[in-house]
Amino acid sequence: MCDVPWNVIMFWVSSIGLCTAGLIVTLMAMFNGGTILTYTGRQYCLLLLCACLDFLALSFSVITFQSCEMGFISLFGYLIVVYSFLADILVFHVSFSTLGLLGTVVILIVSMGVGCYKYWKER
């Protein structure tokens, strides 16, 4: 896929994602008897912000993978564990165990440590 421009890939990924999400929301509204207009303006703004950030992250990942830096970018894919852990604490107010916190910190340290090492080594 290195010969396909990143914007073409993003167009098709976004189009398929939009159609799939639209179909799921429509089917859920039909079967549950509700509508999608029951959320607040703040929730829609947060959803839009998340969609934009996800689009940027996916765009940067596609560009990086096309630059043949697959090992480097896949390492930062593990940071989703850290983001999920923080979302559990800050958004969902889920309690956590010491082992869960330790695992998250280890993933964060290893990912950031190897990333910084590779960055400084190339400079």
PDB file of N, CA and C in Angstrom:
ATOM      1  N   MET A   1       0.808  -1.200   0.000  1.00  0.00           N
ATOM      2  CA  MET A   1       0.000   0.000   0.000  1.00  0.00           C
ATOM      3  C   MET A   1       0.851   1.263   0.000  1.00  0.00           C
ATOM      4  N   CYS A   2       2.131   1.114  -0.103  1.00  0.00           N
ATOM      5  CA  CYS A   2       2.992   2.294  -0.090  1.00  0.00           C
ATOM      6  C   CYS A   2       2.793   3.164  -1.319  1.00  0.00           C
ATOM      7  N   ASP A   3       2.305   2.579  -2.424  1.00  0.00           N
ATOM      8  CA  ASP A   3       2.141   3.365  -3.635  1.00  0.00           C
ATOM      9  C   ASP A   3       0.783   4.071  -3.706  1.00  0.00           C
ATOM     10  N   VAL A   4      -0.118   3.790  -2.756  1.00  0.00           N
ATOM     11  CA  VAL A   4      -1.430   4.448  -2.713  1.00  0.00           C
ATOM     12  C   VAL A   4      -1.308   5.692  -1.834  1.00  0.00           C
ATOM     13  N   PRO A   5      -1.732   6.850  -2.319  1.00  0.00           N
ATOM     14  CA  PRO A   5      -1.641   8.071  -1.493  1.00  0.00           C
ATOM     15  C   PRO A   5      -2.453   7.929  -0.193  1.00  0.00           C
ATOM     16  N   TRP A   6      -1.944   8.537   0.853  1.00  0.00           N
ATOM     17  CA  TRP A   6      -2.581   8.400   2.173  1.00  0.00           C
ATOM     18  C   TRP A   6      -3.997   8.960   2.176  1.00  0.00           C
ATOM     19  N   ASN A   7      -4.242  10.030   1.401  1.00  0.00           N
ATOM     20  CA  ASN A   7      -5.572  10.641   1.419  1.00  0.00           C
ATOM     21  C   ASN A   7      -6.620   9.747   0.755  1.00  0.00           C
ATOM     22  N   VAL A   8      -6.218   8.913  -0.204  1.00  0.00           N
ATOM     23  CA  VAL A   8      -7.157   7.969  -0.811  1.00  0.00           C
ATOM     24  C   VAL A   8      -7.538   6.889   0.201  1.00  0.00           C
ATOM     25  N   ILE A   9      -6.552   6.394   0.916  1.00  0.00           N
ATOM     26  CA  ILE A   9      -6.823   5.391   1.958  1.00  0.00           C
ATOM     27  C   ILE A   9      -7.749   5.965   3.015  1.00  0.00           C
ATOM     28  N   MET A  10      -7.468   7.199   3.445  1.00  0.00           N
ATOM     29  CA  MET A  10      -8.293   7.816   4.485  1.00  0.00           C
ATOM     30  C   MET A  10      -9.712   8.065   4.002  1.00  0.00           C
ATOM     31  N   PHE A  11      -9.876   8.417   2.726  1.00  0.00           N
ATOM     32  CA  PHE A  11     -11.219   8.623   2.198  1.00  0.00           C
ATOM     33  C   PHE A  11     -12.031   7.346   2.306  1.00  0.00           C
ATOM     34  N   TRP A  12     -11.463   6.233   1.872  1.00  0.00           N
ATOM     35  CA  TRP A  12     -12.217   4.983   1.878  1.00  0.00           C
ATOM     36  C   TRP A  12     -12.433   4.447   3.289  1.00  0.00           C
ATOM     37  N   VAL A  13     -11.439   4.578   4.147  1.00  0.00           N
ATOM     38  CA  VAL A  13     -11.615   4.133   5.539  1.00  0.00           C
ATOM     39  C   VAL A  13     -12.695   4.963   6.221  1.00  0.00           C
ATOM     40  N   SER A  14     -12.664   6.278   6.010  1.00  0.00           N
ATOM     41  CA  SER A  14     -13.669   7.155   6.620  1.00  0.00           C
ATOM     42  C   SER A  14     -15.058   6.894   6.055  1.00  0.00           C
ATOM     43  N   SER A  15     -15.144   6.667   4.744  1.00  0.00           N
ATOM     44  CA  SER A  15     -16.447   6.398   4.120  1.00  0.00           C
ATOM     45  C   SER A  15     -17.058   5.103   4.635  1.00  0.00           C
ATOM     46  N   ILE A  16     -16.252   4.073   4.709  1.00  0.00           N
ATOM     47  CA  ILE A  16     -16.753   2.788   5.219  1.00  0.00           C
ATOM     48  C   ILE A  16     -17.142   2.921   6.686  1.00  0.00           C
ATOM     49  N   GLY A  17     -16.318   3.633   7.468  1.00  0.00           N
ATOM     50  CA  GLY A  17     -16.637   3.838   8.885  1.00  0.00           C
ATOM     51  C   GLY A  17     -17.911   4.627   9.085  1.00  0.00           C
ATOM     52  N   LEU A  18     -18.115   5.673   8.282  1.00  0.00           N
ATOM     53  CA  LEU A  18     -19.327   6.486   8.385  1.00  0.00           C
ATOM     54  C   LEU A  18     -20.567   5.678   8.030  1.00  0.00           C
ATOM     55  N   CYS A  19     -20.480   4.909   6.953  1.00  0.00           N
ATOM     56  CA  CYS A  19     -21.629   4.084   6.543  1.00  0.00           C
ATOM     57  C   CYS A  19     -21.951   3.017   7.589  1.00  0.00           C
ATOM     58  N   THR A  20     -20.915   2.381   8.116  1.00  0.00           N
ATOM     59  CA  THR A  20     -21.127   1.350   9.123  1.00  0.00           C
ATOM     60  C   THR A  20     -21.731   1.929  10.398  1.00  0.00           C
ATOM     61  N   ALA A  21     -21.173   3.039  10.876  1.00  0.00           N
ATOM     62  CA  ALA A  21     -21.703   3.674  12.084  1.00  0.00           C
ATOM     63  C   ALA A  21     -23.129   4.162  11.862  1.00  0.00           C
ATOM     64  N   GLY A  22     -23.395   4.749  10.699  1.00  0.00           N
ATOM     65  CA  GLY A  22     -24.755   5.212  10.390  1.00  0.00           C
ATOM     66  C   GLY A  22     -25.744   4.070  10.360  1.00  0.00           C
ATOM     67  N   LEU A  23     -25.347   2.943   9.788  1.00  0.00           N
ATOM     68  CA  LEU A  23     -26.216   1.769   9.741  1.00  0.00           C
ATOM     69  C   LEU A  23     -26.491   1.229  11.145  1.00  0.00           C
ATOM     70  N   ILE A  24     -25.464   1.159  11.971  1.00  0.00           N
ATOM     71  CA  ILE A  24     -25.638   0.653  13.340  1.00  0.00           C
ATOM     72  C   ILE A  24     -26.551   1.565  14.145  1.00  0.00           C
ATOM     73  N   VAL A  25     -26.334   2.878  14.053  1.00  0.00           N
ATOM     74  CA  VAL A  25     -27.167   3.823  14.806  1.00  0.00           C
ATOM     75  C   VAL A  25     -28.609   3.764  14.325  1.00  0.00           C
ATOM     76  N   THR A  26     -28.804   3.663  13.024  1.00  0.00           N
ATOM     77  CA  THR A  26     -30.155   3.585  12.472  1.00  0.00           C
ATOM     78  C   THR A  26     -30.863   2.312  12.922  1.00  0.00           C
ATOM     79  N   LEU A  27     -30.175   1.191  12.841  1.00  0.00           N
ATOM     80  CA  LEU A  27     -30.783  -0.080  13.274  1.00  0.00           C
ATOM     81  C   LEU A  27     -31.100  -0.072  14.770  1.00  0.00           C
ATOM     82  N   MET A  28     -30.197   0.481  15.574  1.00  0.00           N
ATOM     83  CA  MET A  28     -30.458   0.544  17.016  1.00  0.00           C
ATOM     84  C   MET A  28     -31.650   1.443  17.307  1.00  0.00           C
ATOM     85  N   ALA A  29     -31.766   2.550  16.592  1.00  0.00           N
ATOM     86  CA  ALA A  29     -32.908   3.451  16.792  1.00  0.00           C
ATOM     87  C   ALA A  29     -34.202   2.772  16.369  1.00  0.00           C
ATOM     88  N   MET A  30     -34.152   2.000  15.290  1.00  0.00           N
ATOM     89  CA  MET A  30     -35.356   1.312  14.828  1.00  0.00           C
ATOM     90  C   MET A  30     -35.798   0.222  15.805  1.00  0.00           C
ATOM     91  N   PHE A  31     -34.844  -0.565  16.280  1.00  0.00           N
ATOM     92  CA  PHE A  31     -35.195  -1.679  17.153  1.00  0.00           C
ATOM     93  C   PHE A  31     -35.487  -1.249  18.584  1.00  0.00           C
ATOM     94  N   ASN A  32     -34.831  -0.194  19.044  1.00  0.00           N
ATOM     95  CA  ASN A  32     -35.045   0.265  20.418  1.00  0.00           C
ATOM     96  C   ASN A  32     -36.143   1.312  20.523  1.00  0.00           C
ATOM     97  N   GLY A  33     -36.631   1.802  19.419  1.00  0.00           N
ATOM     98  CA  GLY A  33     -37.713   2.771  19.431  1.00  0.00           C
ATOM     99  C   GLY A  33     -37.290   4.176  19.805  1.00  0.00           C
ATOM    100  N   GLY A  34     -36.021   4.457  19.826  1.00  0.00           N
ATOM    101  CA  GLY A  34     -35.551   5.789  20.195  1.00  0.00           C
ATOM    102  C   GLY A  34     -35.024   6.541  18.993  1.00  0.00           C
ATOM    103  N   THR A  35     -34.454   7.683  19.259  1.00  0.00           N
ATOM    104  CA  THR A  35     -33.817   8.469  18.208  1.00  0.00           C
ATOM    105  C   THR A  35     -32.415   8.825  18.665  1.00  0.00           C
ATOM    106  N   ILE A  36     -31.623   9.363  17.750  1.00  0.00           N
ATOM    107  CA  ILE A  36     -30.270   9.776  18.119  1.00  0.00           C
ATOM    108  C   ILE A  36     -30.242  11.221  18.601  1.00  0.00           C
ATOM    109  N   LEU A  37     -31.385  11.861  18.664  1.00  0.00           N
ATOM    110  CA  LEU A  37     -31.447  13.262  19.056  1.00  0.00           C
ATOM    111  C   LEU A  37     -31.705  13.452  20.544  1.00  0.00           C
ATOM    112  N   THR A  38     -31.390  12.443  21.362  1.00  0.00           N
ATOM    113  CA  THR A  38     -31.647  12.525  22.793  1.00  0.00           C
ATOM    114  C   THR A  38     -30.419  12.953  23.594  1.00  0.00           C
ATOM    115  N   TYR A  39     -29.319  13.260  22.909  1.00  0.00           N
ATOM    116  CA  TYR A  39     -28.101  13.643  23.606  1.00  0.00           C
ATOM    117  C   TYR A  39     -28.028  15.157  23.741  1.00  0.00           C
ATOM    118  N   THR A  40     -27.190  15.609  24.669  1.00  0.00           N
ATOM    119  CA  THR A  40     -27.008  17.047  24.871  1.00  0.00           C
ATOM    120  C   THR A  40     -26.010  17.602  23.859  1.00  0.00           C
ATOM    121  N   GLY A  41     -25.965  18.897  23.766  1.00  0.00           N
ATOM    122  CA  GLY A  41     -25.011  19.543  22.874  1.00  0.00           C
ATOM    123  C   GLY A  41     -23.575  19.253  23.269  1.00  0.00           C
ATOM    124  N   ARG A  42     -23.315  19.175  24.555  1.00  0.00           N
ATOM    125  CA  ARG A  42     -21.966  18.864  25.044  1.00  0.00           C
ATOM    126  C   ARG A  42     -21.541  17.467  24.605  1.00  0.00           C
ATOM    127  N   GLN A  43     -22.464  16.513  24.656  1.00  0.00           N
ATOM    128  CA  GLN A  43     -22.141  15.153  24.236  1.00  0.00           C
ATOM    129  C   GLN A  43     -21.838  15.097  22.744  1.00  0.00           C
ATOM    130  N   TYR A  44     -22.592  15.851  21.951  1.00  0.00           N
ATOM    131  CA  TYR A  44     -22.305  15.894  20.516  1.00  0.00           C
ATOM    132  C   TYR A  44     -20.955  16.555  20.244  1.00  0.00           C
ATOM    133  N   CYS A  45     -20.616  17.594  21.006  1.00  0.00           N
ATOM    134  CA  CYS A  45     -19.314  18.242  20.832  1.00  0.00           C
ATOM    135  C   CYS A  45     -18.178  17.296  21.196  1.00  0.00           C
ATOM    136  N   LEU A  46     -18.332  16.547  22.279  1.00  0.00           N
ATOM    137  CA  LEU A  46     -17.319  15.572  22.664  1.00  0.00           C
ATOM    138  C   LEU A  46     -17.185  14.474  21.614  1.00  0.00           C
ATOM    139  N   LEU A  47     -18.295  14.046  21.060  1.00  0.00           N
ATOM    140  CA  LEU A  47     -18.273  13.029  20.011  1.00  0.00           C
ATOM    141  C   LEU A  47     -17.551  13.551  18.765  1.00  0.00           C
ATOM    142  N   LEU A  48     -17.820  14.798  18.403  1.00  0.00           N
ATOM    143  CA  LEU A  48     -17.156  15.405  17.258  1.00  0.00           C
ATOM    144  C   LEU A  48     -15.658  15.555  17.508  1.00  0.00           C
ATOM    145  N   LEU A  49     -15.285  15.965  18.719  1.00  0.00           N
ATOM    146  CA  LEU A  49     -13.880  16.090  19.072  1.00  0.00           C
ATOM    147  C   LEU A  49     -13.182  14.738  18.990  1.00  0.00           C
ATOM    148  N   CYS A  50     -13.814  13.705  19.523  1.00  0.00           N
ATOM    149  CA  CYS A  50     -13.233  12.358  19.470  1.00  0.00           C
ATOM    150  C   CYS A  50     -13.088  11.880  18.028  1.00  0.00           C
ATOM    151  N   ALA A  51     -14.076  12.164  17.195  1.00  0.00           N
ATOM    152  CA  ALA A  51     -14.009  11.761  15.788  1.00  0.00           C
ATOM    153  C   ALA A  51     -12.865  12.470  15.075  1.00  0.00           C
ATOM    154  N   CYS A  52     -12.678  13.757  15.341  1.00  0.00           N
ATOM    155  CA  CYS A  52     -11.587  14.506  14.708  1.00  0.00           C
ATOM    156  C   CYS A  52     -10.219  13.995  15.170  1.00  0.00           C
ATOM    157  N   LEU A  53     -10.087  13.753  16.461  1.00  0.00           N
ATOM    158  CA  LEU A  53      -8.822  13.228  16.976  1.00  0.00           C
ATOM    159  C   LEU A  53      -8.535  11.837  16.444  1.00  0.00           C
ATOM    160  N   ASP A  54      -9.573  11.008  16.323  1.00  0.00           N
ATOM    161  CA  ASP A  54      -9.394   9.674  15.761  1.00  0.00           C
ATOM    162  C   ASP A  54      -8.973   9.760  14.296  1.00  0.00           C
ATOM    163  N   PHE A  55      -9.572  10.681  13.550  1.00  0.00           N
ATOM    164  CA  PHE A  55      -9.197  10.876  12.151  1.00  0.00           C
ATOM    165  C   PHE A  55      -7.732  11.296  12.034  1.00  0.00           C
ATOM    166  N   LEU A  56      -7.304  12.228  12.883  1.00  0.00           N
ATOM    167  CA  LEU A  56      -5.908  12.657  12.856  1.00  0.00           C
ATOM    168  C   LEU A  56      -4.963  11.516  13.214  1.00  0.00           C
ATOM    169  N   ALA A  57      -5.305  10.767  14.235  1.00  0.00           N
ATOM    170  CA  ALA A  57      -4.455   9.650  14.645  1.00  0.00           C
ATOM    171  C   ALA A  57      -4.351   8.608  13.542  1.00  0.00           C
ATOM    172  N   LEU A  58      -5.463   8.296  12.911  1.00  0.00           N
ATOM    173  CA  LEU A  58      -5.449   7.322  11.833  1.00  0.00           C
ATOM    174  C   LEU A  58      -4.677   7.852  10.623  1.00  0.00           C
ATOM    175  N   SER A  59      -4.832   9.123  10.315  1.00  0.00           N
ATOM    176  CA  SER A  59      -4.082   9.723   9.200  1.00  0.00           C
ATOM    177  C   SER A  59      -2.583   9.650   9.452  1.00  0.00           C
ATOM    178  N   PHE A  60      -2.168  10.020  10.654  1.00  0.00           N
ATOM    179  CA  PHE A  60      -0.748   9.972  10.973  1.00  0.00           C
ATOM    180  C   PHE A  60      -0.217   8.543  10.973  1.00  0.00           C
ATOM    181  N   SER A  61      -1.032   7.604  11.408  1.00  0.00           N
ATOM    182  CA  SER A  61      -0.612   6.202  11.393  1.00  0.00           C
ATOM    183  C   SER A  61      -0.425   5.704   9.966  1.00  0.00           C
ATOM    184  N   VAL A  62      -1.341   6.048   9.084  1.00  0.00           N
ATOM    185  CA  VAL A  62      -1.225   5.629   7.677  1.00  0.00           C
ATOM    186  C   VAL A  62       0.029   6.238   7.053  1.00  0.00           C
ATOM    187  N   ILE A  63       0.270   7.516   7.283  1.00  0.00           N
ATOM    188  CA  ILE A  63       1.455   8.175   6.729  1.00  0.00           C
ATOM    189  C   ILE A  63       2.727   7.529   7.266  1.00  0.00           C
ATOM    190  N   THR A  64       2.739   7.227   8.563  1.00  0.00           N
ATOM    191  CA  THR A  64       3.923   6.623   9.168  1.00  0.00           C
ATOM    192  C   THR A  64       4.141   5.212   8.661  1.00  0.00           C
ATOM    193  N   PHE A  65       3.084   4.423   8.559  1.00  0.00           N
ATOM    194  CA  PHE A  65       3.236   3.070   8.042  1.00  0.00           C
ATOM    195  C   PHE A  65       3.723   3.091   6.597  1.00  0.00           C
ATOM    196  N   GLN A  66       3.307   4.085   5.810  1.00  0.00           N
ATOM    197  CA  GLN A  66       3.779   4.188   4.435  1.00  0.00           C
ATOM    198  C   GLN A  66       5.237   4.630   4.368  1.00  0.00           C
ATOM    199  N   SER A  67       5.732   5.221   5.436  1.00  0.00           N
ATOM    200  CA  SER A  67       7.140   5.626   5.482  1.00  0.00           C
ATOM    201  C   SER A  67       8.036   4.494   5.968  1.00  0.00           C
ATOM    202  N   CYS A  68       7.468   3.314   6.119  1.00  0.00           N
ATOM    203  CA  CYS A  68       8.204   2.106   6.531  1.00  0.00           C
ATOM    204  C   CYS A  68       8.776   2.209   7.936  1.00  0.00           C
ATOM    205  N   GLU A  69       8.116   2.883   8.818  1.00  0.00           N
ATOM    206  CA  GLU A  69       8.499   2.951  10.225  1.00  0.00           C
ATOM    207  C   GLU A  69       7.505   2.141  11.053  1.00  0.00           C
ATOM    208  N   MET A  70       7.197   0.937  10.578  1.00  0.00           N
ATOM    209  CA  MET A  70       6.128   0.149  11.194  1.00  0.00           C
ATOM    210  C   MET A  70       6.420  -0.236  12.642  1.00  0.00           C
ATOM    211  N   GLY A  71       7.638  -0.609  12.921  1.00  0.00           N
ATOM    212  CA  GLY A  71       7.976  -1.010  14.288  1.00  0.00           C
ATOM    213  C   GLY A  71       7.856   0.131  15.269  1.00  0.00           C
ATOM    214  N   PHE A  72       8.236   1.305  14.823  1.00  0.00           N
ATOM    215  CA  PHE A  72       8.207   2.466  15.702  1.00  0.00           C
ATOM    216  C   PHE A  72       6.777   2.895  16.016  1.00  0.00           C
ATOM    217  N   ILE A  73       5.926   2.958  14.996  1.00  0.00           N
ATOM    218  CA  ILE A  73       4.553   3.426  15.230  1.00  0.00           C
ATOM    219  C   ILE A  73       3.719   2.368  15.926  1.00  0.00           C
ATOM    220  N   SER A  74       3.986   1.094  15.669  1.00  0.00           N
ATOM    221  CA  SER A  74       3.197   0.056  16.331  1.00  0.00           C
ATOM    222  C   SER A  74       3.493   0.019  17.830  1.00  0.00           C
ATOM    223  N   LEU A  75       4.683   0.456  18.212  1.00  0.00           N
ATOM    224  CA  LEU A  75       5.020   0.539  19.632  1.00  0.00           C
ATOM    225  C   LEU A  75       4.085   1.500  20.356  1.00  0.00           C
ATOM    226  N   PHE A  76       3.750   2.613  19.723  1.00  0.00           N
ATOM    227  CA  PHE A  76       2.874   3.592  20.356  1.00  0.00           C
ATOM    228  C   PHE A  76       1.410   3.161  20.341  1.00  0.00           C
ATOM    229  N   GLY A  77       1.100   2.104  19.618  1.00  0.00           N
ATOM    230  CA  GLY A  77      -0.249   1.544  19.661  1.00  0.00           C
ATOM    231  C   GLY A  77      -0.593   1.010  21.045  1.00  0.00           C
ATOM    232  N   TYR A  78       0.423   0.645  21.813  1.00  0.00           N
ATOM    233  CA  TYR A  78       0.184   0.148  23.170  1.00  0.00           C
ATOM    234  C   TYR A  78      -0.292   1.240  24.117  1.00  0.00           C
ATOM    235  N   LEU A  79      -0.133   2.487  23.729  1.00  0.00           N
ATOM    236  CA  LEU A  79      -0.567   3.584  24.597  1.00  0.00           C
ATOM    237  C   LEU A  79      -2.086   3.644  24.734  1.00  0.00           C
ATOM    238  N   ILE A  80      -2.811   2.915  23.894  1.00  0.00           N
ATOM    239  CA  ILE A  80      -4.268   2.860  24.040  1.00  0.00           C
ATOM    240  C   ILE A  80      -4.645   2.269  25.400  1.00  0.00           C
ATOM    241  N   VAL A  81      -3.789   1.413  25.937  1.00  0.00           N
ATOM    242  CA  VAL A  81      -4.035   0.852  27.266  1.00  0.00           C
ATOM    243  C   VAL A  81      -4.008   1.965  28.314  1.00  0.00           C
ATOM    244  N   VAL A  82      -3.059   2.877  28.173  1.00  0.00           N
ATOM    245  CA  VAL A  82      -2.951   3.997  29.115  1.00  0.00           C
ATOM    246  C   VAL A  82      -4.165   4.910  28.981  1.00  0.00           C
ATOM    247  N   TYR A  83      -4.564   5.213  27.735  1.00  0.00           N
ATOM    248  CA  TYR A  83      -5.734   6.066  27.515  1.00  0.00           C
ATOM    249  C   TYR A  83      -6.998   5.415  28.075  1.00  0.00           C
ATOM    250  N   SER A  84      -7.131   4.133  27.889  1.00  0.00           N
ATOM    251  CA  SER A  84      -8.311   3.422  28.407  1.00  0.00           C
ATOM    252  C   SER A  84      -8.328   3.439  29.930  1.00  0.00           C
ATOM    253  N   PHE A  85      -7.171   3.255  30.530  1.00  0.00           N
ATOM    254  CA  PHE A  85      -7.071   3.288  31.989  1.00  0.00           C
ATOM    255  C   PHE A  85      -7.465   4.665  32.519  1.00  0.00           C
ATOM    256  N   LEU A  86      -6.959   5.720  31.872  1.00  0.00           N
ATOM    257  CA  LEU A  86      -7.306   7.077  32.302  1.00  0.00           C
ATOM    258  C   LEU A  86      -8.790   7.368  32.086  1.00  0.00           C
ATOM    259  N   ALA A  87      -9.356   6.869  30.999  1.00  0.00           N
ATOM    260  CA  ALA A  87     -10.787   7.069  30.754  1.00  0.00           C
ATOM    261  C   ALA A  87     -11.614   6.361  31.820  1.00  0.00           C
ATOM    262  N   ASP A  88     -11.191   5.155  32.211  1.00  0.00           N
ATOM    263  CA  ASP A  88     -11.909   4.446  33.274  1.00  0.00           C
ATOM    264  C   ASP A  88     -11.924   5.252  34.567  1.00  0.00           C
ATOM    265  N   ILE A  89     -10.822   5.880  34.881  1.00  0.00           N
ATOM    266  CA  ILE A  89     -10.729   6.640  36.128  1.00  0.00           C
ATOM    267  C   ILE A  89     -11.476   7.972  36.027  1.00  0.00           C
ATOM    268  N   LEU A  90     -11.184   8.747  34.975  1.00  0.00           N
ATOM    269  CA  LEU A  90     -11.690  10.109  34.891  1.00  0.00           C
ATOM    270  C   LEU A  90     -13.120  10.211  34.378  1.00  0.00           C
ATOM    271  N   VAL A  91     -13.503   9.348  33.448  1.00  0.00           N
ATOM    272  CA  VAL A  91     -14.822   9.461  32.841  1.00  0.00           C
ATOM    273  C   VAL A  91     -15.833   8.543  33.518  1.00  0.00           C
ATOM    274  N   PHE A  92     -15.451   7.280  33.686  1.00  0.00           N
ATOM    275  CA  PHE A  92     -16.392   6.293  34.195  1.00  0.00           C
ATOM    276  C   PHE A  92     -16.305   6.072  35.701  1.00  0.00           C
ATOM    277  N   HIS A  93     -15.305   6.663  36.358  1.00  0.00           N
ATOM    278  CA  HIS A  93     -15.126   6.574  37.811  1.00  0.00           C
ATOM    279  C   HIS A  93     -15.062   5.128  38.287  1.00  0.00           C
ATOM    280  N   VAL A  94     -14.313   4.324  37.535  1.00  0.00           N
ATOM    281  CA  VAL A  94     -14.127   2.921  37.880  1.00  0.00           C
ATOM    282  C   VAL A  94     -12.932   2.814  38.819  1.00  0.00           C
ATOM    283  N   SER A  95     -13.069   2.011  39.845  1.00  0.00           N
ATOM    284  CA  SER A  95     -11.933   1.803  40.745  1.00  0.00           C
ATOM    285  C   SER A  95     -10.948   0.855  40.072  1.00  0.00           C
ATOM    286  N   PHE A  96      -9.707   0.916  40.476  1.00  0.00           N
ATOM    287  CA  PHE A  96      -8.669   0.111  39.855  1.00  0.00           C
ATOM    288  C   PHE A  96      -7.841  -0.574  40.923  1.00  0.00           C
ATOM    289  N   SER A  97      -7.141  -1.618  40.509  1.00  0.00           N
ATOM    290  CA  SER A  97      -6.285  -2.344  41.440  1.00  0.00           C
ATOM    291  C   SER A  97      -4.843  -1.864  41.284  1.00  0.00           C
ATOM    292  N   THR A  98      -4.031  -2.219  42.228  1.00  0.00           N
ATOM    293  CA  THR A  98      -2.617  -1.861  42.182  1.00  0.00           C
ATOM    294  C   THR A  98      -1.937  -2.542  40.997  1.00  0.00           C
ATOM    295  N   LEU A  99      -2.325  -3.769  40.717  1.00  0.00           N
ATOM    296  CA  LEU A  99      -1.751  -4.501  39.597  1.00  0.00           C
ATOM    297  C   LEU A  99      -2.100  -3.828  38.264  1.00  0.00           C
ATOM    298  N   GLY A 100      -3.334  -3.354  38.131  1.00  0.00           N
ATOM    299  CA  GLY A 100      -3.734  -2.641  36.921  1.00  0.00           C
ATOM    300  C   GLY A 100      -2.949  -1.357  36.735  1.00  0.00           C
ATOM    301  N   LEU A 101      -2.767  -0.616  37.840  1.00  0.00           N
ATOM    302  CA  LEU A 101      -1.980   0.616  37.784  1.00  0.00           C
ATOM    303  C   LEU A 101      -0.536   0.313  37.433  1.00  0.00           C
ATOM    304  N   LEU A 102       0.025  -0.720  38.030  1.00  0.00           N
ATOM    305  CA  LEU A 102       1.414  -1.096  37.750  1.00  0.00           C
ATOM    306  C   LEU A 102       1.591  -1.490  36.285  1.00  0.00           C
ATOM    307  N   GLY A 103       0.661  -2.274  35.743  1.00  0.00           N
ATOM    308  CA  GLY A 103       0.745  -2.671  34.339  1.00  0.00           C
ATOM    309  C   GLY A 103       0.671  -1.482  33.407  1.00  0.00           C
ATOM    310  N   THR A 104      -0.191  -0.543  33.714  1.00  0.00           N
ATOM    311  CA  THR A 104      -0.327   0.657  32.883  1.00  0.00           C
ATOM    312  C   THR A 104       0.938   1.506  32.928  1.00  0.00           C
ATOM    313  N   VAL A 105       1.514   1.646  34.098  1.00  0.00           N
ATOM    314  CA  VAL A 105       2.741   2.435  34.235  1.00  0.00           C
ATOM    315  C   VAL A 105       3.894   1.761  33.489  1.00  0.00           C
ATOM    316  N   VAL A 106       3.987   0.432  33.562  1.00  0.00           N
ATOM    317  CA  VAL A 106       5.045  -0.285  32.849  1.00  0.00           C
ATOM    318  C   VAL A 106       4.902  -0.080  31.340  1.00  0.00           C
ATOM    319  N   ILE A 107       3.684  -0.198  30.820  1.00  0.00           N
ATOM    320  CA  ILE A 107       3.459   0.014  29.385  1.00  0.00           C
ATOM    321  C   ILE A 107       3.828   1.431  28.988  1.00  0.00           C
ATOM    322  N   LEU A 108       3.454   2.405  29.804  1.00  0.00           N
ATOM    323  CA  LEU A 108       3.776   3.802  29.508  1.00  0.00           C
ATOM    324  C   LEU A 108       5.283   4.031  29.507  1.00  0.00           C
ATOM    325  N   ILE A 109       5.960   3.522  30.508  1.00  0.00           N
ATOM    326  CA  ILE A 109       7.411   3.734  30.611  1.00  0.00           C
ATOM    327  C   ILE A 109       8.145   3.061  29.453  1.00  0.00           C
ATOM    328  N   VAL A 110       7.806   1.825  29.143  1.00  0.00           N
ATOM    329  CA  VAL A 110       8.487   1.113  28.061  1.00  0.00           C
ATOM    330  C   VAL A 110       8.226   1.792  26.720  1.00  0.00           C
ATOM    331  N   SER A 111       6.979   2.133  26.441  1.00  0.00           N
ATOM    332  CA  SER A 111       6.653   2.772  25.155  1.00  0.00           C
ATOM    333  C   SER A 111       7.368   4.111  24.999  1.00  0.00           C
ATOM    334  N   MET A 112       7.275   4.932  26.000  1.00  0.00           N
ATOM    335  CA  MET A 112       7.906   6.248  25.921  1.00  0.00           C
ATOM    336  C   MET A 112       9.431   6.138  25.956  1.00  0.00           C
ATOM    337  N   GLY A 113       9.955   5.211  26.744  1.00  0.00           N
ATOM    338  CA  GLY A 113      11.408   5.029  26.826  1.00  0.00           C
ATOM    339  C   GLY A 113      12.008   4.593  25.502  1.00  0.00           C
ATOM    340  N   VAL A 114      11.413   3.581  24.877  1.00  0.00           N
ATOM    341  CA  VAL A 114      11.922   3.109  23.584  1.00  0.00           C
ATOM    342  C   VAL A 114      11.732   4.179  22.516  1.00  0.00           C
ATOM    343  N   GLY A 115      10.614   4.879  22.550  1.00  0.00           N
ATOM    344  CA  GLY A 115      10.379   5.948  21.581  1.00  0.00           C
ATOM    345  C   GLY A 115      11.410   7.063  21.702  1.00  0.00           C
ATOM    346  N   CYS A 116      11.678   7.493  22.915  1.00  0.00           N
ATOM    347  CA  CYS A 116      12.677   8.551  23.125  1.00  0.00           C
ATOM    348  C   CYS A 116      14.071   8.072  22.741  1.00  0.00           C
ATOM    349  N   TYR A 117      14.396   6.817  23.062  1.00  0.00           N
ATOM    350  CA  TYR A 117      15.698   6.260  22.709  1.00  0.00           C
ATOM    351  C   TYR A 117      15.895   6.257  21.196  1.00  0.00           C
ATOM    352  N   LYS A 118      14.891   5.789  20.458  1.00  0.00           N
ATOM    353  CA  LYS A 118      14.990   5.758  19.000  1.00  0.00           C
ATOM    354  C   LYS A 118      15.080   7.171  18.425  1.00  0.00           C
ATOM    355  N   TYR A 119      14.365   8.092  19.018  1.00  0.00           N
ATOM    356  CA  TYR A 119      14.399   9.481  18.543  1.00  0.00           C
ATOM    357  C   TYR A 119      15.791  10.079  18.751  1.00  0.00           C
ATOM    358  N   TRP A 120      16.350   9.900  19.958  1.00  0.00           N
ATOM    359  CA  TRP A 120      17.664  10.468  20.252  1.00  0.00           C
ATOM    360  C   TRP A 120      18.773   9.766  19.456  1.00  0.00           C
ATOM    361  N   LYS A 121      18.581   8.487  19.187  1.00  0.00           N
ATOM    362  CA  LYS A 121      19.574   7.744  18.423  1.00  0.00           C
ATOM    363  C   LYS A 121      19.639   8.240  16.981  1.00  0.00           C
ATOM    364  N   GLU A 122      18.485   8.593  16.409  1.00  0.00           N
ATOM    365  CA  GLU A 122      18.456   9.082  15.033  1.00  0.00           C
ATOM    366  C   GLU A 122      18.953  10.514  14.910  1.00  0.00           C
ATOM    367  N   ARG A 123      18.922  11.275  15.985  1.00  0.00           N
ATOM    368  CA  ARG A 123      19.391  12.665  15.934  1.00  0.00           C
ATOM    369  C   ARG A 123      20.878  12.618  16.007  1.00  0.00           C
TER     370      ARG A 123
END
